[in-house]
Amino acid sequence: MVLEVVVIILGLLLDRISKLWALAGLKSNSGIVIIKDFFGFEYLENRGAAFGILQNKLWLLVIITIFVASGMVYYLIKYKPTSKLLRIAMAMIVAGAIGNLIDRVYYNFVVDFILVHYKNVYYFPTFNVADIFVSVGTFFLIICILKDEI
């Protein structure tokens, strides 16, 4: 369980520090271009879930997040999976979920700030470090399911 706790704490720290930076440094300006026409940072208040779904459904998202994160923690404690990848995957999802949950409860929105796009042709939805943890954790979880490591 030590591995999982370390991943969760690391994920939460990276997420909080990056969001505090975004609030302090990006909220009052038009953003920072890192790679022209491709990558930058731009402040956004997301009042929904992934890709903007469930807009203004704050308490539904809070309840779902608590349910999912609690279920994963319960699974990790009760079944003590031997697969390191599965343990990391679930811990990453929990870290990201809690990171965005903190925003929802504290601000009533999630702070997003990472912008990836191709010129003015395509814009991927703006995201944050917690979203990266959830996405990578979900990818690892899918690998575990396909390898029958659950």
C-alpha atoms as a PDB file:
ATOM      1  CA  MET A   1       0.000   0.000   0.000  1.00  0.00           C
ATOM      2  CA  VAL A   2       3.044   2.274   0.326  1.00  0.00           C
ATOM      3  CA  LEU A   3       3.427   2.514  -3.469  1.00  0.00           C
ATOM      4  CA  GLU A   4      -0.183   3.606  -3.863  1.00  0.00           C
ATOM      5  CA  VAL A   5       0.075   6.257  -1.138  1.00  0.00           C
ATOM      6  CA  VAL A   6       3.253   7.680  -2.699  1.00  0.00           C
ATOM      7  CA  VAL A   7       1.609   7.864  -6.159  1.00  0.00           C
ATOM      8  CA  ILE A   8      -1.509   9.526  -4.722  1.00  0.00           C
ATOM      9  CA  ILE A   9       0.458  12.089  -2.709  1.00  0.00           C
ATOM     10  CA  LEU A  10       2.793  12.845  -5.615  1.00  0.00           C
ATOM     11  CA  GLY A  11      -0.161  13.243  -7.973  1.00  0.00           C
ATOM     12  CA  LEU A  12      -1.984  15.547  -5.571  1.00  0.00           C
ATOM     13  CA  LEU A  13       1.114  17.671  -4.984  1.00  0.00           C
ATOM     14  CA  LEU A  14       1.843  18.068  -8.704  1.00  0.00           C
ATOM     15  CA  ASP A  15      -1.793  18.882  -9.392  1.00  0.00           C
ATOM     16  CA  ARG A  16      -2.180  21.432  -6.562  1.00  0.00           C
ATOM     17  CA  ILE A  17       1.103  23.200  -7.285  1.00  0.00           C
ATOM     18  CA  SER A  18       0.333  23.460 -11.004  1.00  0.00           C
ATOM     19  CA  LYS A  19      -3.212  24.721 -10.392  1.00  0.00           C
ATOM     20  CA  LEU A  20      -2.044  27.306  -7.847  1.00  0.00           C
ATOM     21  CA  TRP A  21       0.482  28.470 -10.443  1.00  0.00           C
ATOM     22  CA  ALA A  22      -2.292  28.678 -13.064  1.00  0.00           C
ATOM     23  CA  LEU A  23      -4.530  30.659 -10.714  1.00  0.00           C
ATOM     24  CA  ALA A  24      -1.738  33.077  -9.813  1.00  0.00           C
ATOM     25  CA  GLY A  25      -0.004  33.390 -13.174  1.00  0.00           C
ATOM     26  CA  LEU A  26      -2.544  32.697 -15.898  1.00  0.00           C
ATOM     27  CA  LYS A  27      -5.922  33.878 -14.625  1.00  0.00           C
ATOM     28  CA  SER A  28      -5.209  37.541 -15.271  1.00  0.00           C
ATOM     29  CA  ASN A  29      -3.504  37.228 -18.670  1.00  0.00           C
ATOM     30  CA  SER A  30      -4.164  35.744 -22.093  1.00  0.00           C
ATOM     31  CA  GLY A  31      -1.888  32.726 -21.622  1.00  0.00           C
ATOM     32  CA  ILE A  32       1.635  31.586 -22.380  1.00  0.00           C
ATOM     33  CA  VAL A  33       2.678  30.170 -25.738  1.00  0.00           C
ATOM     34  CA  ILE A  34       5.281  27.392 -25.403  1.00  0.00           C
ATOM     35  CA  ILE A  35       5.259  26.079 -28.996  1.00  0.00           C
ATOM     36  CA  LYS A  36       3.536  28.406 -31.468  1.00  0.00           C
ATOM     37  CA  ASP A  37       0.378  26.918 -33.008  1.00  0.00           C
ATOM     38  CA  PHE A  38       0.698  23.756 -30.903  1.00  0.00           C
ATOM     39  CA  PHE A  39       1.179  23.986 -27.116  1.00  0.00           C
ATOM     40  CA  GLY A  40       0.686  26.510 -24.342  1.00  0.00           C
ATOM     41  CA  PHE A  41      -0.959  27.389 -21.067  1.00  0.00           C
ATOM     42  CA  GLU A  42      -4.277  29.225 -20.845  1.00  0.00           C
ATOM     43  CA  TYR A  43      -6.531  29.560 -17.797  1.00  0.00           C
ATOM     44  CA  LEU A  44      -9.992  27.981 -17.985  1.00  0.00           C
ATOM     45  CA  GLU A  45     -12.701  27.337 -15.380  1.00  0.00           C
ATOM     46  CA  ASN A  46     -14.319  23.989 -16.209  1.00  0.00           C
ATOM     47  CA  ARG A  47     -17.742  23.581 -14.593  1.00  0.00           C
ATOM     48  CA  GLY A  48     -18.230  20.119 -16.073  1.00  0.00           C
ATOM     49  CA  ALA A  49     -16.376  16.828 -16.410  1.00  0.00           C
ATOM     50  CA  ALA A  50     -14.103  15.521 -19.178  1.00  0.00           C
ATOM     51  CA  PHE A  51     -14.559  17.341 -22.484  1.00  0.00           C
ATOM     52  CA  GLY A  52     -17.068  19.671 -20.803  1.00  0.00           C
ATOM     53  CA  ILE A  53     -19.821  17.082 -20.313  1.00  0.00           C
ATOM     54  CA  LEU A  54     -22.229  17.419 -17.366  1.00  0.00           C
ATOM     55  CA  GLN A  55     -21.812  21.204 -17.208  1.00  0.00           C
ATOM     56  CA  ASN A  56     -23.011  22.743 -13.914  1.00  0.00           C
ATOM     57  CA  LYS A  57     -23.722  19.321 -12.339  1.00  0.00           C
ATOM     58  CA  LEU A  58     -21.330  20.007  -9.442  1.00  0.00           C
ATOM     59  CA  TRP A  59     -22.835  17.749  -6.787  1.00  0.00           C
ATOM     60  CA  LEU A  60     -23.462  14.880  -9.188  1.00  0.00           C
ATOM     61  CA  LEU A  61     -19.764  15.022 -10.160  1.00  0.00           C
ATOM     62  CA  VAL A  62     -18.737  15.217  -6.480  1.00  0.00           C
ATOM     63  CA  ILE A  63     -20.841  12.145  -5.609  1.00  0.00           C
ATOM     64  CA  ILE A  64     -19.586  10.148  -8.611  1.00  0.00           C
ATOM     65  CA  THR A  65     -15.968  11.061  -7.802  1.00  0.00           C
ATOM     66  CA  ILE A  66     -16.302  10.045  -4.151  1.00  0.00           C
ATOM     67  CA  PHE A  67     -17.970   6.780  -5.154  1.00  0.00           C
ATOM     68  CA  VAL A  68     -15.339   5.857  -7.778  1.00  0.00           C
ATOM     69  CA  ALA A  69     -12.300   6.888  -5.703  1.00  0.00           C
ATOM     70  CA  SER A  70     -13.647   5.113  -2.610  1.00  0.00           C
ATOM     71  CA  GLY A  71     -14.344   1.983  -4.644  1.00  0.00           C
ATOM     72  CA  MET A  72     -10.800   1.909  -5.977  1.00  0.00           C
ATOM     73  CA  VAL A  73      -9.263   2.470  -2.540  1.00  0.00           C
ATOM     74  CA  TYR A  74     -11.504  -0.274  -1.132  1.00  0.00           C
ATOM     75  CA  TYR A  75     -10.394  -2.649  -3.912  1.00  0.00           C
ATOM     76  CA  LEU A  76      -6.715  -1.886  -3.256  1.00  0.00           C
ATOM     77  CA  ILE A  77      -7.068  -2.459   0.492  1.00  0.00           C
ATOM     78  CA  LYS A  78      -9.322  -5.524   0.385  1.00  0.00           C
ATOM     79  CA  TYR A  79      -7.819  -7.462  -2.522  1.00  0.00           C
ATOM     80  CA  LYS A  80      -4.193  -6.266  -2.360  1.00  0.00           C
ATOM     81  CA  PRO A  81      -3.505  -6.830  -6.060  1.00  0.00           C
ATOM     82  CA  THR A  82      -0.052  -8.180  -6.868  1.00  0.00           C
ATOM     83  CA  SER A  83       0.210  -6.394 -10.214  1.00  0.00           C
ATOM     84  CA  LYS A  84       2.330  -3.280  -9.695  1.00  0.00           C
ATOM     85  CA  LEU A  85       0.896  -1.756 -12.873  1.00  0.00           C
ATOM     86  CA  LEU A  86      -2.669  -2.242 -11.602  1.00  0.00           C
ATOM     87  CA  ARG A  87      -1.792  -0.675  -8.245  1.00  0.00           C
ATOM     88  CA  ILE A  88      -0.156   2.320  -9.956  1.00  0.00           C
ATOM     89  CA  ALA A  89      -3.078   2.663 -12.377  1.00  0.00           C
ATOM     90  CA  MET A  90      -5.666   2.773  -9.622  1.00  0.00           C
ATOM     91  CA  ALA A  91      -3.583   5.133  -7.496  1.00  0.00           C
ATOM     92  CA  MET A  92      -3.164   7.501 -10.448  1.00  0.00           C
ATOM     93  CA  ILE A  93      -6.914   7.526 -11.092  1.00  0.00           C
ATOM     94  CA  VAL A  94      -7.595   8.174  -7.392  1.00  0.00           C
ATOM     95  CA  ALA A  95      -5.015  11.004  -7.292  1.00  0.00           C
ATOM     96  CA  GLY A  96      -6.503  12.701 -10.339  1.00  0.00           C
ATOM     97  CA  ALA A  97     -10.048  12.245  -9.115  1.00  0.00           C
ATOM     98  CA  ILE A  98      -9.229  13.735  -5.718  1.00  0.00           C
ATOM     99  CA  GLY A  99      -7.288  16.593  -7.332  1.00  0.00           C
ATOM    100  CA  ASN A 100     -10.293  17.640  -9.389  1.00  0.00           C
ATOM    101  CA  LEU A 101     -12.639  16.950  -6.467  1.00  0.00           C
ATOM    102  CA  ILE A 102     -10.710  19.457  -4.346  1.00  0.00           C
ATOM    103  CA  ASP A 103     -11.247  22.084  -7.048  1.00  0.00           C
ATOM    104  CA  ARG A 104     -14.949  21.327  -7.373  1.00  0.00           C
ATOM    105  CA  VAL A 105     -15.546  21.572  -3.633  1.00  0.00           C
ATOM    106  CA  TYR A 106     -13.286  24.584  -3.035  1.00  0.00           C
ATOM    107  CA  TYR A 107     -13.872  26.681  -6.187  1.00  0.00           C
ATOM    108  CA  ASN A 108     -17.093  25.164  -7.655  1.00  0.00           C
ATOM    109  CA  PHE A 109     -15.134  24.521 -10.862  1.00  0.00           C
ATOM    110  CA  VAL A 110     -11.988  22.707 -11.996  1.00  0.00           C
ATOM    111  CA  VAL A 111      -8.918  24.733 -12.964  1.00  0.00           C
ATOM    112  CA  ASP A 112      -7.747  23.694 -16.438  1.00  0.00           C
ATOM    113  CA  PHE A 113      -4.775  25.302 -18.147  1.00  0.00           C
ATOM    114  CA  ILE A 114      -2.894  22.965 -20.518  1.00  0.00           C
ATOM    115  CA  LEU A 115      -3.727  23.772 -24.121  1.00  0.00           C
ATOM    116  CA  VAL A 116      -2.788  21.553 -27.078  1.00  0.00           C
ATOM    117  CA  HIS A 117      -3.902  22.484 -30.574  1.00  0.00           C
ATOM    118  CA  TYR A 118      -2.974  22.518 -34.232  1.00  0.00           C
ATOM    119  CA  LYS A 119      -2.905  26.126 -35.447  1.00  0.00           C
ATOM    120  CA  ASN A 120      -6.507  27.328 -35.451  1.00  0.00           C
ATOM    121  CA  VAL A 121      -7.686  24.082 -37.043  1.00  0.00           C
ATOM    122  CA  TYR A 122      -8.068  21.789 -34.002  1.00  0.00           C
ATOM    123  CA  TYR A 123      -8.139  22.460 -30.278  1.00  0.00           C
ATOM    124  CA  PHE A 124      -7.980  19.543 -27.852  1.00  0.00           C
ATOM    125  CA  PRO A 125     -10.062  20.323 -24.740  1.00  0.00           C
ATOM    126  CA  THR A 126      -8.025  22.242 -22.158  1.00  0.00           C
ATOM    127  CA  PHE A 127      -6.920  19.987 -19.283  1.00  0.00           C
ATOM    128  CA  ASN A 128      -4.787  19.818 -16.116  1.00  0.00           C
ATOM    129  CA  VAL A 129      -2.350  17.536 -14.276  1.00  0.00           C
ATOM    130  CA  ALA A 130      -5.172  15.655 -12.517  1.00  0.00           C
ATOM    131  CA  ASP A 131      -6.666  14.852 -15.922  1.00  0.00           C
ATOM    132  CA  ILE A 132      -3.292  13.485 -17.038  1.00  0.00           C
ATOM    133  CA  PHE A 133      -3.187  11.204 -13.999  1.00  0.00           C
ATOM    134  CA  VAL A 134      -6.745   9.952 -14.651  1.00  0.00           C
ATOM    135  CA  SER A 135      -6.066   9.401 -18.363  1.00  0.00           C
ATOM    136  CA  VAL A 136      -2.719   7.625 -17.949  1.00  0.00           C
ATOM    137  CA  GLY A 137      -4.106   5.603 -15.027  1.00  0.00           C
ATOM    138  CA  THR A 138      -7.089   4.556 -17.147  1.00  0.00           C
ATOM    139  CA  PHE A 139      -4.767   3.558 -19.997  1.00  0.00           C
ATOM    140  CA  PHE A 140      -2.724   1.419 -17.572  1.00  0.00           C
ATOM    141  CA  LEU A 141      -5.946  -0.072 -16.177  1.00  0.00           C
ATOM    142  CA  ILE A 142      -7.052  -1.068 -19.681  1.00  0.00           C
ATOM    143  CA  ILE A 143      -3.681  -2.767 -20.225  1.00  0.00           C
ATOM    144  CA  CYS A 144      -4.192  -4.687 -16.962  1.00  0.00           C
ATOM    145  CA  ILE A 145      -7.686  -5.757 -18.022  1.00  0.00           C
ATOM    146  CA  LEU A 146      -6.445  -6.906 -21.420  1.00  0.00           C
ATOM    147  CA  LYS A 147      -3.580  -8.821 -19.770  1.00  0.00           C
ATOM    148  CA  ASP A 148      -6.081 -10.287 -17.262  1.00  0.00           C
ATOM    149  CA  GLU A 149      -4.179  -8.844 -14.300  1.00  0.00           C
ATOM    150  CA  ILE A 150      -7.246  -7.883 -12.289  1.00  0.00           C
END
